[in-house]
Amino acid sequence: MMNIMKPLKIFLSSILITLILSSCGIYKKTDQRGVPSAAKNKARENLKTGSGNSINKILGRNKGSGNFEFSSSNPLWRASLEILDFLPLATVDYSGGVLITDWYNDSQDTNESLKITIRFLSNEVRSDSIKIIVHRKNCINVNSCKISVLNSKIKTELTSSILSTASLLKKESDNKKK
């Protein structure tokens, strides 16, 4: 009697597990009437719905749904990096459109440091496409620092040099395309 109970328990357990798994949605019946039968029809259906794999998706060249340009094609971005290349960068976020330098001093005045933030508002090479904020930190000692925003000659010089470099880069890239 003991010899029959063990295989019976295993058999009933396997039937119970099969019923539980089939009822929880792992096995899903499909209606073959709605599925295209030929490979070309399947490919056409995948293109319509945006599913499936393509060579561009596999190679990572999928552009996605947004209009997103690569950073090397944006002349304002490239010009800003070129102009600020001597400064240490704290935050560089192309997708967010922000470039922030670290605190920098030129060793002439050890109590004063500058930090520059550039926000990219558009990809066009125009004066209203970027917003530059220059912060100044003036420290009396290590624990006593005052931070203020400068609207000075530095900001206007940075804006003009970035825009002029960006326009040159844009002309250069347009000439390469022709």
Protein backbone atom coordinates (compact mmCIF):
# COMPACT_ATOMS: atom_id res chain seq x y z
CA MET A 1 0.00 0.00 0.00
CA MET A 2 2.88 2.38 0.75
CA ASN A 3 4.41 1.73 -2.65
CA ILE A 4 1.28 2.98 -4.46
CA MET A 5 0.80 6.15 -2.33
CA LYS A 6 4.08 7.83 -3.27
CA PRO A 7 3.59 7.64 -7.09
CA LEU A 8 -0.07 8.62 -6.65
CA LYS A 9 0.91 11.73 -4.66
CA ILE A 10 3.45 12.70 -7.33
CA PHE A 11 0.89 12.16 -10.12
CA LEU A 12 -1.80 14.19 -8.35
CA SER A 13 0.70 16.94 -7.48
CA SER A 14 1.83 17.23 -11.10
CA ILE A 15 -1.80 17.44 -12.32
CA LEU A 16 -2.55 20.11 -9.70
CA ILE A 17 0.54 22.17 -10.68
CA THR A 18 -0.37 21.88 -14.38
CA LEU A 19 -3.91 23.11 -13.69
CA ILE A 20 -2.67 26.02 -11.59
CA LEU A 21 -0.09 27.08 -14.17
CA SER A 22 -2.47 26.81 -17.11
CA SER A 23 -5.13 28.88 -15.35
CA CYS A 24 -2.80 31.70 -14.27
CA GLY A 25 -2.13 32.95 -17.77
CA ILE A 26 1.25 31.45 -18.61
CA TYR A 27 -0.37 29.41 -21.35
CA LYS A 28 -2.34 31.77 -23.52
CA LYS A 29 -4.52 30.63 -26.39
CA THR A 30 -4.21 32.64 -29.58
CA ASP A 31 -6.68 33.07 -32.36
CA GLN A 32 -4.84 32.18 -35.57
CA ARG A 33 -7.41 33.99 -37.70
CA GLY A 34 -5.91 37.38 -36.70
CA VAL A 35 -2.27 36.33 -37.20
CA PRO A 36 -0.86 36.77 -40.72
CA SER A 37 0.34 33.47 -42.16
CA ALA A 38 2.95 34.54 -44.70
CA ALA A 39 6.29 36.04 -43.66
CA LYS A 40 5.77 39.16 -45.81
CA ASN A 41 2.40 39.79 -44.20
CA LYS A 42 3.95 39.40 -40.74
CA ALA A 43 6.70 41.87 -41.63
CA ARG A 44 4.12 44.36 -42.96
CA GLU A 45 2.07 43.99 -39.77
CA ASN A 46 5.19 44.53 -37.62
CA LEU A 47 6.01 47.71 -39.54
CA LYS A 48 2.48 49.03 -39.02
CA THR A 49 2.50 48.37 -35.29
CA GLY A 50 6.18 49.23 -34.71
CA SER A 51 7.00 45.86 -33.22
CA GLY A 52 9.56 43.31 -34.30
CA ASN A 53 13.29 43.70 -34.81
CA SER A 54 15.03 45.58 -37.55
CA ILE A 55 18.71 45.88 -38.34
CA ASN A 56 18.74 49.46 -37.01
CA LYS A 57 17.23 48.37 -33.69
CA ILE A 58 19.70 45.51 -33.34
CA LEU A 59 22.68 47.76 -34.12
CA GLY A 60 21.43 50.47 -31.77
CA ARG A 61 20.66 53.01 -34.47
CA ASN A 62 17.01 53.32 -33.56
CA LYS A 63 16.05 57.00 -33.39
CA GLY A 64 13.04 56.42 -31.16
CA SER A 65 9.96 58.55 -31.07
CA GLY A 66 11.54 61.93 -30.27
CA ASN A 67 13.38 64.35 -32.47
CA PHE A 68 16.74 64.00 -30.75
CA GLU A 69 19.99 65.03 -32.38
CA PHE A 70 23.35 63.63 -31.38
CA SER A 71 25.48 66.10 -29.46
CA SER A 72 28.24 66.27 -32.07
CA SER A 73 25.76 67.65 -34.60
CA ASN A 74 24.69 70.55 -32.37
CA PRO A 75 27.01 73.51 -33.06
CA LEU A 76 26.05 75.39 -29.86
CA TRP A 77 26.93 72.37 -27.73
CA ARG A 78 30.24 71.81 -29.51
CA ALA A 79 31.14 75.50 -29.35
CA SER A 80 30.40 75.67 -25.61
CA LEU A 81 32.60 72.67 -24.90
CA GLU A 82 35.34 74.16 -27.06
CA ILE A 83 35.21 77.56 -25.32
CA LEU A 84 35.07 76.08 -21.80
CA ASP A 85 37.63 73.33 -22.40
CA PHE A 86 40.08 74.79 -19.84
CA LEU A 87 37.51 74.59 -17.01
CA PRO A 88 36.72 71.46 -15.00
CA LEU A 89 33.15 70.34 -15.79
CA ALA A 90 30.84 69.28 -12.96
CA THR A 91 27.70 68.36 -14.94
CA VAL A 92 27.40 67.64 -18.65
CA ASP A 93 23.89 66.57 -19.68
CA TYR A 94 23.15 66.85 -23.38
CA SER A 95 19.67 65.37 -23.14
CA GLY A 96 18.76 67.84 -20.40
CA GLY A 97 20.49 70.71 -22.21
CA VAL A 98 22.72 71.74 -19.30
CA LEU A 99 26.46 72.27 -18.97
CA ILE A 100 27.82 73.27 -15.54
CA THR A 101 31.46 73.91 -14.69
CA ASP A 102 33.03 73.31 -11.33
CA TRP A 103 34.21 76.21 -9.17
CA TYR A 104 37.27 77.75 -10.77
CA ASN A 105 39.77 80.37 -9.71
CA ASP A 106 42.73 81.63 -11.70
CA SER A 107 45.03 81.74 -8.64
CA GLN A 108 45.28 85.55 -8.72
CA ASP A 109 42.63 85.95 -6.04
CA THR A 110 42.39 82.79 -3.94
CA ASN A 111 39.24 84.01 -2.19
CA GLU A 112 37.16 84.31 -5.38
CA SER A 113 35.89 81.48 -7.61
CA LEU A 114 33.57 81.37 -10.62
CA LYS A 115 31.07 78.74 -11.74
CA ILE A 116 29.38 78.88 -15.14
CA THR A 117 26.04 77.29 -16.06
CA ILE A 118 24.89 77.11 -19.67
CA ARG A 119 21.33 76.10 -20.51
CA PHE A 120 20.52 75.22 -24.10
CA LEU A 121 17.03 76.38 -24.99
CA SER A 122 17.13 75.48 -28.68
CA ASN A 123 19.43 73.91 -31.29
CA GLU A 124 19.42 77.03 -33.44
CA VAL A 125 22.45 79.32 -33.46
CA ARG A 126 20.81 82.45 -32.03
CA SER A 127 21.47 84.62 -29.00
CA ASP A 128 18.25 83.49 -27.29
CA SER A 129 19.12 79.80 -27.75
CA ILE A 130 21.43 79.73 -24.73
CA LYS A 131 21.17 81.10 -21.23
CA ILE A 132 24.42 81.68 -19.37
CA ILE A 133 24.57 82.14 -15.61
CA VAL A 134 27.86 83.08 -13.93
CA HIS A 135 28.11 82.54 -10.17
CA ARG A 136 30.81 84.11 -8.06
CA LYS A 137 31.87 82.69 -4.71
CA ASN A 138 33.75 85.07 -2.45
CA CYS A 139 35.20 83.46 0.67
CA ILE A 140 36.62 85.29 3.65
CA ASN A 141 37.62 81.96 5.18
CA VAL A 142 36.69 78.30 4.60
CA ASN A 143 33.40 78.52 6.51
CA SER A 144 32.30 81.96 5.38
CA CYS A 145 31.49 82.18 1.66
CA LYS A 146 29.07 84.41 -0.19
CA ILE A 147 27.69 83.27 -3.55
CA SER A 148 26.17 85.74 -5.99
CA VAL A 149 25.05 85.82 -9.63
CA LEU A 150 27.09 88.04 -11.92
CA ASN A 151 25.68 90.01 -14.83
CA SER A 152 29.05 91.09 -16.02
CA LYS A 153 31.36 91.34 -18.98
CA ILE A 154 32.19 87.62 -18.60
CA LYS A 155 28.63 86.62 -19.46
CA THR A 156 28.44 88.78 -22.60
CA GLU A 157 31.91 87.72 -23.76
CA LEU A 158 31.04 84.04 -23.27
CA THR A 159 27.78 84.44 -25.16
CA SER A 160 29.41 86.18 -28.11
CA SER A 161 32.35 83.77 -28.31
CA ILE A 162 30.07 80.70 -28.12
CA LEU A 163 27.74 82.10 -30.78
CA SER A 164 30.59 83.06 -33.14
CA THR A 165 32.26 79.64 -32.73
CA ALA A 166 28.91 77.90 -33.22
CA SER A 167 28.21 79.84 -36.41
CA LEU A 168 31.65 78.87 -37.77
CA LEU A 169 31.01 75.22 -36.89
CA LYS A 170 27.59 75.36 -38.55
CA LYS A 171 29.05 76.87 -41.75
CA GLU A 172 31.74 74.20 -41.73
CA SER A 173 29.20 71.40 -41.36
CA ASP A 174 26.94 72.89 -44.06
CA ASN A 175 29.89 73.06 -46.46
CA LYS A 176 30.69 69.37 -45.77
CA LYS A 177 27.09 68.40 -46.58
CA LYS A 178 27.27 70.15 -49.97
